Each structure stands twice: as structure tokens, then as C-alpha cells.
Amino acid sequence: MQTAPSPSEMAILKVLWHHGPQSAREVQDQIGAAQDWSYSTTRTLLTRMAEKGLIAREAVHGLAVFTATYSKAKVLSAMVRTFSAQVFDLDAPIAASAFAESPLLSADDLAELEGLLNEPTSQGEGA
């Protein structure tokens, strides 16, 4: 993952993580009104996210369907590591327990996050 997802991209990723593969219309129906997005805005964001590799686009019965490329834990670990390195100059394991109260993370997500946060960092790694 080259860059951390923007807040708009995170909103879309959350929909895909929660609901699984979705069409642009389904994403729009889930969050478009709350984000004050038009349908074309949603489609543009999905296209750009696919170009960045954050999501995958697949044709299902002639309909474009989008799926998150990275798990919640993978995205969160990259963002936490980048933040820790940039703000605190830390290059040490970080406890996933700090996120244990999040209603967005399951026990499996937390276990995956713990493993990812405890992996040695590689030079140039970022969110």
C-alpha cells in the first residue's frame, strides 16, 4: 500500500469490509447521502481507488463490482506504523490492544492486526 487512504476512501473501504463486494450503486446507496456525494462522485472515487490498488474491480453478470484489496487490519497497521514513525520516531512493535474497543474490529481482525504490528518493519514501508 503506497499511501494511506483518504477519509473518503476509508468510508468506501468500510462499506466494502462490512457488506462485501458492492456495485457503485450499492456503495452510493450505503454512504452517498451521508457523504453528500453524487453518484458520479462515488464512481470517480471507486475508479481512482481501483487504479491505486485499494480495491479490485470485477465484472459480475455485466455489472462492475468492487472488493477491498486489503483487510481492515492491513490498512490499519500500515496507517499506525506510518503515524508512529512520522510523529513519534518509533520503529518498535505497537500493541493492537489499543484498538480492542473498536466496534469495527472483530477478534480475528485484532489477531491479524497484532501479527502485522509485530512484524519487523522494512525500509521505506508506509501506509
Protein backbone atom coordinates (compact mmCIF):
# COMPACT_ATOMS: atom_id res chain seq x y z
CA MET A 1 0.00 0.00 0.00
CA GLN A 2 1.67 3.20 -1.19
CA THR A 3 -0.38 5.87 0.59
CA ALA A 4 -2.85 5.95 3.43
CA PRO A 5 -6.46 6.03 2.27
CA SER A 6 -8.14 9.43 2.38
CA PRO A 7 -11.22 9.89 4.60
CA SER A 8 -13.45 9.40 1.53
CA GLU A 9 -11.58 6.24 0.58
CA MET A 10 -11.87 4.95 4.15
CA ALA A 11 -15.64 5.47 4.02
CA ILE A 12 -15.81 3.28 0.91
CA LEU A 13 -13.46 0.67 2.36
CA LYS A 14 -15.66 0.41 5.46
CA VAL A 15 -18.69 -0.31 3.26
CA LEU A 16 -16.79 -3.00 1.36
CA TRP A 17 -15.41 -4.57 4.53
CA HIS A 18 -18.85 -4.63 6.16
CA HIS A 19 -21.00 -5.64 3.18
CA GLY A 20 -18.55 -7.46 0.90
CA PRO A 21 -18.40 -6.88 -2.86
CA GLN A 22 -20.61 -3.98 -3.95
CA SER A 23 -21.55 -2.19 -7.15
CA ALA A 24 -21.10 1.58 -7.42
CA ARG A 25 -24.87 1.99 -6.94
CA GLU A 26 -24.79 -0.12 -3.77
CA VAL A 27 -21.89 1.93 -2.37
CA GLN A 28 -23.77 5.12 -3.27
CA ASP A 29 -26.92 3.84 -1.55
CA GLN A 30 -24.92 2.98 1.59
CA ILE A 31 -22.98 6.23 2.08
CA GLY A 32 -23.60 8.69 -0.75
CA ALA A 33 -26.20 10.79 1.02
CA ALA A 34 -24.27 10.88 4.31
CA GLN A 35 -21.12 11.97 2.47
CA ASP A 36 -23.09 14.42 0.26
CA TRP A 37 -21.77 12.64 -2.85
CA SER A 38 -23.44 12.42 -6.22
CA TYR A 39 -23.43 9.06 -7.96
CA SER A 40 -20.72 10.30 -10.34
CA THR A 41 -18.54 11.25 -7.35
CA THR A 42 -18.88 7.74 -5.96
CA ARG A 43 -17.98 6.20 -9.33
CA THR A 44 -14.96 8.50 -9.69
CA LEU A 45 -13.71 7.57 -6.20
CA LEU A 46 -14.15 3.87 -6.93
CA THR A 47 -12.26 4.20 -10.22
CA ARG A 48 -9.37 6.05 -8.56
CA MET A 49 -9.24 3.57 -5.70
CA ALA A 50 -9.03 0.71 -8.20
CA GLU A 51 -6.19 2.50 -10.00
CA LYS A 52 -4.36 2.86 -6.66
CA GLY A 53 -4.89 -0.82 -5.88
CA LEU A 54 -7.01 -0.17 -2.77
CA ILE A 55 -9.94 -2.04 -4.31
CA ALA A 56 -10.40 -4.54 -7.11
CA ARG A 57 -12.96 -4.21 -9.91
CA GLU A 58 -14.61 -7.30 -11.32
CA ALA A 59 -17.42 -7.75 -13.83
CA VAL A 60 -20.26 -9.88 -12.48
CA HIS A 61 -23.05 -10.53 -14.99
CA GLY A 62 -22.01 -7.38 -16.82
CA LEU A 63 -22.03 -5.25 -13.66
CA ALA A 64 -18.87 -3.72 -12.16
CA VAL A 65 -18.45 -4.94 -8.59
CA PHE A 66 -15.78 -3.66 -6.21
CA THR A 67 -13.97 -5.51 -3.43
CA ALA A 68 -11.47 -4.26 -0.85
CA THR A 69 -7.95 -5.40 -1.75
CA TYR A 70 -6.60 -5.11 1.79
CA SER A 71 -8.09 -6.28 5.07
CA LYS A 72 -9.04 -3.81 7.81
CA ALA A 73 -6.05 -4.98 9.82
CA LYS A 74 -3.61 -4.47 6.92
CA VAL A 75 -4.80 -0.90 6.30
CA LEU A 76 -4.87 -0.02 9.99
CA SER A 77 -1.42 -1.48 10.66
CA ALA A 78 0.10 0.49 7.78
CA MET A 79 -1.53 3.70 8.99
CA VAL A 80 -0.48 3.14 12.63
CA ARG A 81 3.10 2.33 11.66
CA THR A 82 3.37 5.39 9.42
CA PHE A 83 1.88 7.66 12.08
CA SER A 84 4.14 6.22 14.80
CA ALA A 85 7.24 6.63 12.65
CA GLN A 86 6.43 10.12 11.36
CA VAL A 87 5.14 11.64 14.59
CA PHE A 88 6.96 9.76 17.34
CA ASP A 89 10.06 8.42 15.52
CA LEU A 90 9.08 4.93 16.70
CA ASP A 91 10.25 1.80 14.93
CA ALA A 92 9.10 -0.74 17.50
CA PRO A 93 6.16 -3.12 17.82
CA ILE A 94 2.87 -1.44 18.76
CA ALA A 95 0.16 -3.09 20.86
CA ALA A 96 -3.02 -3.88 18.95
CA SER A 97 -4.85 -3.85 22.29
CA ALA A 98 -5.17 -0.07 21.85
CA PHE A 99 -7.87 -0.87 19.27
CA ALA A 100 -9.66 -3.63 21.21
CA GLU A 101 -12.71 -1.47 21.95
CA SER A 102 -13.38 -0.64 18.31
CA PRO A 103 -16.77 -1.94 17.18
CA LEU A 104 -15.31 -2.21 13.66
CA LEU A 105 -12.74 -4.87 14.56
CA SER A 106 -13.57 -8.50 15.27
CA ALA A 107 -11.40 -10.80 17.37
CA ASP A 108 -9.95 -12.17 14.12
CA ASP A 109 -9.21 -8.63 12.90
CA LEU A 110 -7.42 -7.85 16.18
CA ALA A 111 -5.37 -11.05 15.98
CA GLU A 112 -4.35 -10.22 12.40
CA LEU A 113 -3.55 -6.64 13.42
CA GLU A 114 -1.41 -7.85 16.33
CA GLY A 115 0.60 -10.03 13.96
CA LEU A 116 1.04 -7.24 11.42
CA LEU A 117 2.08 -4.67 14.01
CA ASN A 118 4.67 -7.05 15.43
CA GLU A 119 6.27 -7.83 12.05
CA PRO A 120 9.66 -6.22 11.56
CA THR A 121 9.37 -3.04 9.53
CA SER A 122 11.06 -2.87 6.16
CA GLN A 123 12.93 0.22 4.97
CA GLY A 124 10.62 2.58 3.08
CA GLU A 125 7.43 0.88 4.27
CA GLY A 126 4.45 3.18 4.55
CA ALA A 127 0.70 3.34 4.52
